[in-house]
């Protein structure tokens, strides 16, 4: 639980590396039951990068479209039935299914499912649903326009994102209110120091002792493809929860209550985000959303931490390096 890093830029760098590692591992694993290729499509360079207009095999389907159809972007006739992939799509045929019985029903997706079926299927992950939703929008546009231009692609992406991409992420844990925090009898320097040491002690007590934070754990898991490593997030999550729970027993001076509440609620949001991150191997899109939420929650702690630091300094409250409250004075250094 690295709350007081000296180099917050490193956190952002690890976050970016973590996402890249997840996409790399999913591409290698390519397990169809979680639609990892669609996840790669929704989040990867095929859609947003400089190669978005590429068609490596010159079959009439751009590489990002091949990802949607689950065809081979290096093989012009992926199903080997003698017709180019792009021509099959134009003929309302499935380029991933060998003809002649490969006609597409306009009411079904490339997996042969009706929209009603996949929308109401409780076994589908968030990744599965969003991949199918995007394909439905893509196929409607494809049937209408034939060739999808770069402008069409950009509009399709904007429409999809604006419609609530990621809106079904994990619900955040219940947040605290000011009434949950006991009020200290006074706001003296002595009371502030007592609060700082008690809160600092609570945080230090519940911080994992091993080196490396939650993002390092995540990166190790996806880089190695070892789902068991994600279990190392459990004590991290438990640590955040213990701080939030234990803070309810600490008397907080009135002048520190708003900042303390903001920090604790950021921790609660982090626990929810990390629960989503743990789903990297079963619901990768939700994990990516969790990473984004984690970063937002982590960043949201910066301001209230600095406010507490300023409050201590303003009231001439100091801590030695042996006192737990020291972490607040040196937060961000």
Protein backbone atom coordinates (compact mmCIF):
# COMPACT_ATOMS: atom_id res chain seq x y z
CA UNK A 1 0.00 0.00 0.00
CA UNK A 2 2.41 2.62 -1.27
CA UNK A 3 0.56 5.76 -0.21
CA UNK A 4 3.52 8.09 0.13
CA UNK A 5 5.78 7.46 -2.86
CA UNK A 6 8.51 9.96 -3.60
CA UNK A 7 8.13 9.42 -7.30
CA UNK A 8 4.46 9.41 -8.16
CA UNK A 9 5.42 9.51 -11.84
CA UNK A 10 6.66 5.93 -11.38
CA UNK A 11 3.13 4.88 -10.42
CA UNK A 12 1.80 6.21 -13.72
CA UNK A 13 4.60 4.45 -15.62
CA UNK A 14 3.89 1.13 -13.92
CA UNK A 15 0.19 1.61 -14.63
CA UNK A 16 0.90 1.98 -18.34
CA UNK A 17 3.24 -1.01 -18.32
CA UNK A 18 0.62 -3.03 -16.49
CA UNK A 19 -1.99 -2.41 -19.17
CA UNK A 20 0.52 -3.24 -21.88
CA UNK A 21 1.45 -6.46 -20.11
CA UNK A 22 -2.18 -7.47 -19.78
CA UNK A 23 -2.81 -6.97 -23.48
CA UNK A 24 0.35 -8.92 -24.35
CA UNK A 25 -0.57 -11.87 -22.17
CA UNK A 26 -4.15 -11.98 -23.41
CA UNK A 27 -2.92 -12.02 -26.99
CA UNK A 28 -0.65 -14.98 -26.22
CA UNK A 29 -3.31 -16.88 -24.29
CA UNK A 30 -6.08 -16.21 -26.83
CA UNK A 31 -8.73 -18.17 -24.94
CA UNK A 32 -12.02 -17.74 -26.84
CA UNK A 33 -14.25 -18.25 -23.81
CA UNK A 34 -13.29 -14.80 -22.52
CA UNK A 35 -13.07 -13.23 -25.97
CA UNK A 36 -9.55 -11.98 -25.35
CA UNK A 37 -9.08 -10.95 -28.99
CA UNK A 38 -12.12 -8.70 -28.76
CA UNK A 39 -10.67 -7.24 -25.57
CA UNK A 40 -7.45 -6.55 -27.40
CA UNK A 41 -9.45 -4.91 -30.16
CA UNK A 42 -11.43 -2.71 -27.80
CA UNK A 43 -8.34 -1.47 -26.00
CA UNK A 44 -5.38 -1.99 -28.31
CA UNK A 45 -3.37 -0.38 -31.05
CA UNK A 46 -5.35 -2.07 -33.84
CA UNK A 47 -8.18 0.33 -33.11
CA UNK A 48 -6.50 3.51 -31.91
CA UNK A 49 -2.94 3.35 -33.22
CA UNK A 50 -1.19 4.37 -36.40
CA UNK A 51 -1.89 0.95 -37.95
CA UNK A 52 -5.66 1.31 -37.65
CA UNK A 53 -6.02 1.51 -41.44
CA UNK A 54 -3.76 -1.44 -42.20
CA UNK A 55 -4.86 -4.49 -44.22
CA UNK A 56 -1.84 -6.79 -44.12
CA UNK A 57 -3.29 -9.54 -46.32
CA UNK A 58 -5.13 -7.22 -48.75
CA UNK A 59 -8.37 -9.15 -48.40
CA UNK A 60 -10.63 -6.12 -48.06
CA UNK A 61 -10.91 -6.34 -44.27
CA UNK A 62 -8.74 -4.01 -42.22
CA UNK A 63 -6.72 -5.64 -39.48
CA UNK A 64 -8.94 -4.23 -36.73
CA UNK A 65 -11.98 -5.72 -38.48
CA UNK A 66 -10.23 -9.08 -38.71
CA UNK A 67 -9.85 -8.98 -34.94
CA UNK A 68 -13.60 -8.59 -34.60
CA UNK A 69 -14.33 -11.49 -36.94
CA UNK A 70 -11.61 -13.61 -35.34
CA UNK A 71 -10.00 -14.16 -38.73
CA UNK A 72 -6.30 -14.17 -39.61
CA UNK A 73 -5.03 -10.73 -40.62
CA UNK A 74 -2.14 -12.44 -42.45
CA UNK A 75 -4.32 -14.87 -44.41
CA UNK A 76 -6.60 -13.42 -47.09
CA UNK A 77 -8.85 -16.50 -46.99
CA UNK A 78 -8.95 -17.40 -43.30
CA UNK A 79 -11.50 -20.22 -43.59
CA UNK A 80 -9.97 -21.64 -46.78
CA UNK A 81 -13.19 -21.74 -48.80
CA UNK A 82 -11.78 -19.93 -51.81
CA UNK A 83 -13.31 -16.51 -51.12
CA UNK A 84 -11.41 -13.55 -49.68
CA UNK A 85 -12.45 -12.56 -46.17
CA UNK A 86 -13.55 -9.10 -47.24
CA UNK A 87 -15.63 -10.48 -50.11
CA UNK A 88 -17.37 -12.89 -47.74
CA UNK A 89 -18.38 -10.07 -45.43
CA UNK A 90 -19.69 -8.08 -48.39
CA UNK A 91 -21.73 -11.13 -49.39
CA UNK A 92 -23.21 -11.35 -45.89
CA UNK A 93 -21.13 -14.46 -45.14
CA UNK A 94 -18.98 -15.30 -42.12
CA UNK A 95 -15.27 -15.16 -43.10
CA UNK A 96 -14.36 -17.39 -40.16
CA UNK A 97 -16.67 -20.23 -41.24
CA UNK A 98 -15.94 -22.34 -44.31
CA UNK A 99 -18.65 -22.17 -46.97
CA UNK A 100 -21.09 -22.87 -48.37
CA UNK A 101 -23.18 -22.84 -45.16
CA UNK A 102 -21.73 -19.61 -43.81
CA UNK A 103 -24.49 -17.08 -44.47
CA UNK A 104 -24.94 -14.52 -41.69
CA UNK A 105 -28.33 -13.87 -40.19
CA UNK A 106 -28.71 -10.13 -39.67
CA UNK A 107 -30.24 -10.85 -36.26
CA UNK A 108 -27.22 -12.82 -35.07
CA UNK A 109 -23.59 -12.01 -34.37
CA UNK A 110 -20.52 -13.81 -35.69
CA UNK A 111 -20.91 -16.50 -32.98
CA UNK A 112 -24.46 -17.26 -34.12
CA UNK A 113 -26.11 -15.67 -31.10
CA UNK A 114 -29.14 -13.41 -31.16
CA UNK A 115 -28.88 -10.08 -29.37
CA UNK A 116 -31.64 -11.12 -26.99
CA UNK A 117 -29.67 -14.22 -26.03
CA UNK A 118 -26.37 -12.56 -25.25
CA UNK A 119 -27.91 -9.59 -23.49
CA UNK A 120 -29.77 -11.91 -21.10
CA UNK A 121 -27.03 -14.50 -20.62
CA UNK A 122 -25.89 -14.36 -16.95
CA UNK A 123 -22.75 -16.38 -17.74
CA UNK A 124 -21.23 -13.65 -19.89
CA UNK A 125 -18.54 -11.46 -18.39
CA UNK A 126 -18.43 -7.69 -18.83
CA UNK A 127 -15.74 -8.26 -21.44
CA UNK A 128 -18.01 -10.61 -23.38
CA UNK A 129 -20.97 -8.23 -23.31
CA UNK A 130 -19.01 -5.18 -24.40
CA UNK A 131 -17.30 -7.10 -27.19
CA UNK A 132 -20.68 -8.28 -28.48
CA UNK A 133 -22.16 -4.81 -28.11
CA UNK A 134 -19.37 -3.29 -30.16
CA UNK A 135 -19.66 -5.98 -32.82
CA UNK A 136 -23.40 -5.34 -33.10
CA UNK A 137 -22.76 -1.65 -33.71
CA UNK A 138 -19.96 -2.42 -36.16
CA UNK A 139 -22.03 -4.93 -38.15
CA UNK A 140 -24.96 -2.53 -38.44
CA UNK A 141 -22.62 0.15 -39.80
CA UNK A 142 -20.90 -2.32 -42.12
CA UNK A 143 -24.20 -3.42 -43.65
CA UNK A 144 -25.22 0.19 -44.13
CA UNK A 145 -22.03 1.66 -45.58
CA UNK A 146 -20.13 -1.34 -46.97
CA UNK A 147 -16.60 -0.01 -46.55
CA UNK A 148 -15.95 1.61 -43.17
CA UNK A 149 -13.79 4.71 -43.57
CA UNK A 150 -11.46 6.13 -40.93
CA UNK A 151 -14.10 8.75 -40.20
CA UNK A 152 -16.73 6.03 -39.76
CA UNK A 153 -14.40 4.14 -37.45
CA UNK A 154 -13.75 7.23 -35.33
CA UNK A 155 -17.48 7.96 -35.11
CA UNK A 156 -18.18 4.34 -34.16
CA UNK A 157 -15.64 4.51 -31.35
CA UNK A 158 -17.00 7.83 -30.06
CA UNK A 159 -20.57 6.53 -30.11
CA UNK A 160 -19.58 3.39 -28.25
CA UNK A 161 -17.59 5.23 -25.60
CA UNK A 162 -20.30 7.85 -25.14
CA UNK A 163 -22.91 5.12 -24.67
CA UNK A 164 -21.34 4.07 -21.38
CA UNK A 165 -18.22 2.05 -22.12
CA UNK A 166 -17.09 0.69 -18.75
CA UNK A 167 -20.21 1.96 -17.06
CA UNK A 168 -20.95 -1.44 -15.56
CA UNK A 169 -17.77 -1.70 -13.55
CA UNK A 170 -17.73 -2.93 -9.97
CA UNK A 171 -19.94 -0.84 -7.73
CA UNK A 172 -17.77 1.13 -5.31
CA UNK A 173 -17.80 0.05 -1.66
CA UNK A 174 -19.90 2.01 0.78
CA UNK A 175 -18.24 5.31 1.61
CA UNK A 176 -17.90 6.96 4.99
CA UNK A 177 -19.52 10.22 6.03
CA UNK A 178 -18.32 12.77 8.57
CA UNK A 179 -20.66 11.29 11.14
CA UNK A 180 -18.59 8.08 11.05
CA UNK A 181 -15.52 9.88 12.38
CA UNK A 182 -15.30 10.67 16.12
CA UNK A 183 -14.57 14.32 16.86
CA UNK A 184 -11.58 15.18 19.06
CA UNK A 185 -12.31 17.25 22.16
CA UNK A 186 -10.23 20.14 20.89
CA UNK A 187 -8.15 21.26 17.95
CA UNK A 188 -4.96 22.00 19.82
CA UNK A 189 -1.53 21.10 18.56
CA UNK A 190 -1.40 18.27 21.07
CA UNK A 191 -4.69 16.85 19.79
CA UNK A 192 -3.48 17.10 16.20
CA UNK A 193 -0.24 15.32 17.05
CA UNK A 194 -2.12 12.55 18.86
CA UNK A 195 -4.38 12.14 15.83
CA UNK A 196 -1.42 12.11 13.42
CA UNK A 197 0.40 9.43 15.37
CA UNK A 198 -2.67 7.25 15.80
CA UNK A 199 -3.66 7.48 12.14
CA UNK A 200 -0.07 7.00 11.00
CA UNK A 201 0.28 3.96 13.23
CA UNK A 202 -2.92 2.48 11.79
CA UNK A 203 -1.65 2.93 8.23
CA UNK A 204 1.82 1.55 8.93
CA UNK A 205 0.41 -1.42 10.82
CA UNK A 206 -1.72 -2.41 7.85
CA UNK A 207 0.79 -1.79 5.07
CA UNK A 208 2.23 -4.97 3.50
CA UNK A 209 5.78 -5.58 4.65
CA UNK A 210 7.07 -7.06 1.39
CA UNK A 211 8.54 -4.82 -1.28
CA UNK A 212 6.46 -3.78 -4.27
CA UNK A 213 2.96 -2.40 -4.46
CA UNK A 214 -0.28 -3.58 -5.95
CA UNK A 215 0.61 -2.58 -9.49
CA UNK A 216 3.86 -4.53 -9.31
CA UNK A 217 1.87 -7.58 -8.20
CA UNK A 218 -0.50 -7.12 -11.12
CA UNK A 219 2.32 -6.72 -13.61
CA UNK A 220 4.06 -9.87 -12.35
CA UNK A 221 0.82 -11.85 -12.64
CA UNK A 222 -0.03 -10.90 -16.20
CA UNK A 223 3.58 -11.04 -17.40
CA UNK A 224 3.96 -14.60 -16.15
CA UNK A 225 0.39 -15.67 -16.89
CA UNK A 226 0.14 -16.91 -13.29
CA UNK A 227 -3.29 -16.22 -11.83
CA UNK A 228 -2.11 -17.32 -8.37
CA UNK A 229 0.04 -14.19 -8.06
CA UNK A 230 -3.11 -12.07 -8.01
CA UNK A 231 -3.89 -13.57 -4.61
CA UNK A 232 -1.10 -11.37 -3.28
CA UNK A 233 -3.54 -8.49 -3.70
CA UNK A 234 -5.72 -9.94 -0.94
CA UNK A 235 -3.60 -8.68 1.98
CA UNK A 236 -3.27 -5.32 0.24
CA UNK A 237 -7.04 -5.03 -0.04
CA UNK A 238 -7.41 -6.21 3.55
CA UNK A 239 -4.91 -3.55 4.62
CA UNK A 240 -6.88 -0.71 3.04
CA UNK A 241 -10.08 -2.02 4.58
CA UNK A 242 -8.48 -2.29 8.01
CA UNK A 243 -7.38 1.34 7.84
CA UNK A 244 -10.87 2.51 6.88
CA UNK A 245 -12.45 0.41 9.61
CA UNK A 246 -9.90 1.31 12.29
CA UNK A 247 -10.17 5.03 11.57
CA UNK A 248 -13.67 4.99 13.02
CA UNK A 249 -12.08 4.60 16.47
CA UNK A 250 -9.69 7.54 16.15
CA UNK A 251 -10.74 10.97 17.37
CA UNK A 252 -10.21 13.48 14.57
CA UNK A 253 -9.80 17.22 15.25
CA UNK A 254 -12.48 19.24 13.50
CA UNK A 255 -9.96 20.95 11.23
CA UNK A 256 -8.71 17.59 9.93
CA UNK A 257 -12.01 15.81 9.39
CA UNK A 258 -12.73 16.73 5.77
CA UNK A 259 -9.24 15.76 4.60
CA UNK A 260 -9.27 12.55 6.63
CA UNK A 261 -12.65 11.58 5.21
CA UNK A 262 -11.41 12.15 1.66
CA UNK A 263 -8.36 9.94 2.24
CA UNK A 264 -10.40 7.12 3.75
CA UNK A 265 -12.97 7.19 0.96
CA UNK A 266 -10.18 7.09 -1.62
CA UNK A 267 -8.94 3.95 0.11
CA UNK A 268 -12.42 2.44 -0.09
CA UNK A 269 -12.53 3.14 -3.82
CA UNK A 270 -9.11 1.53 -4.19
CA UNK A 271 -10.37 -1.69 -2.59
CA UNK A 272 -13.22 -1.85 -5.11
CA UNK A 273 -10.85 -1.16 -7.98
CA UNK A 274 -8.42 -3.86 -6.87
CA UNK A 275 -11.25 -6.38 -6.66
CA UNK A 276 -11.84 -5.67 -10.35
CA UNK A 277 -8.12 -5.93 -11.12
CA UNK A 278 -8.14 -9.44 -9.63
CA UNK A 279 -10.44 -10.49 -12.50
CA UNK A 280 -7.68 -10.00 -15.09
CA UNK A 281 -7.79 -13.63 -16.23
CA UNK A 282 -11.56 -14.10 -16.23
CA UNK A 283 -12.85 -10.65 -17.21
CA UNK A 284 -9.92 -8.65 -18.62
CA UNK A 285 -11.93 -5.62 -19.67
CA UNK A 286 -13.28 -5.19 -16.14
CA UNK A 287 -9.69 -5.47 -14.90
CA UNK A 288 -8.63 -2.65 -17.22
CA UNK A 289 -11.50 -0.54 -15.93
CA UNK A 290 -10.37 -1.42 -12.40
CA UNK A 291 -6.86 -0.21 -13.19
CA UNK A 292 -8.26 3.10 -14.37
CA UNK A 293 -10.41 3.45 -11.25
CA UNK A 294 -7.44 2.52 -9.07
CA UNK A 295 -5.34 5.28 -10.60
CA UNK A 296 -8.12 7.84 -10.13
CA UNK A 297 -8.62 6.85 -6.49
CA UNK A 298 -4.89 6.92 -5.80
CA UNK A 299 -4.53 10.35 -7.35
CA UNK A 300 -7.52 11.63 -5.37
CA UNK A 301 -5.55 11.13 -2.15
CA UNK A 302 -2.82 13.60 -3.07
CA UNK A 303 -4.73 16.78 -2.25
CA UNK A 304 -6.13 15.73 1.16
CA UNK A 305 -2.72 14.36 2.16
CA UNK A 306 -1.13 17.70 1.39
CA UNK A 307 -3.92 19.44 3.31
CA UNK A 308 -3.12 17.39 6.41
CA UNK A 309 0.57 18.14 6.01
CA UNK A 310 -0.16 21.87 5.77
CA UNK A 311 -2.44 21.65 8.82
CA UNK A 312 0.28 20.05 10.92
CA UNK A 313 2.90 22.57 9.82
CA UNK A 314 0.53 25.51 10.35
CA UNK A 315 -0.03 24.41 13.94
CA UNK A 316 3.68 23.78 14.55
CA UNK A 317 3.10 20.05 14.92
CA UNK A 318 6.24 18.08 14.19
CA UNK A 319 7.07 14.38 14.20
CA UNK A 320 10.40 12.64 14.59
CA UNK A 321 11.30 9.85 12.19
CA UNK A 322 10.44 7.39 14.96
CA UNK A 323 6.86 8.64 15.24
CA UNK A 324 4.10 7.22 12.99
CA UNK A 325 2.80 10.69 12.18
CA UNK A 326 6.04 11.27 10.29
CA UNK A 327 4.44 9.78 7.17
CA UNK A 328 2.08 12.75 6.88
CA UNK A 329 4.80 15.39 7.10
CA UNK A 330 6.85 13.66 4.45
CA UNK A 331 3.99 12.55 2.20
CA UNK A 332 4.88 13.00 -1.46
CA UNK A 333 8.60 13.46 -0.92
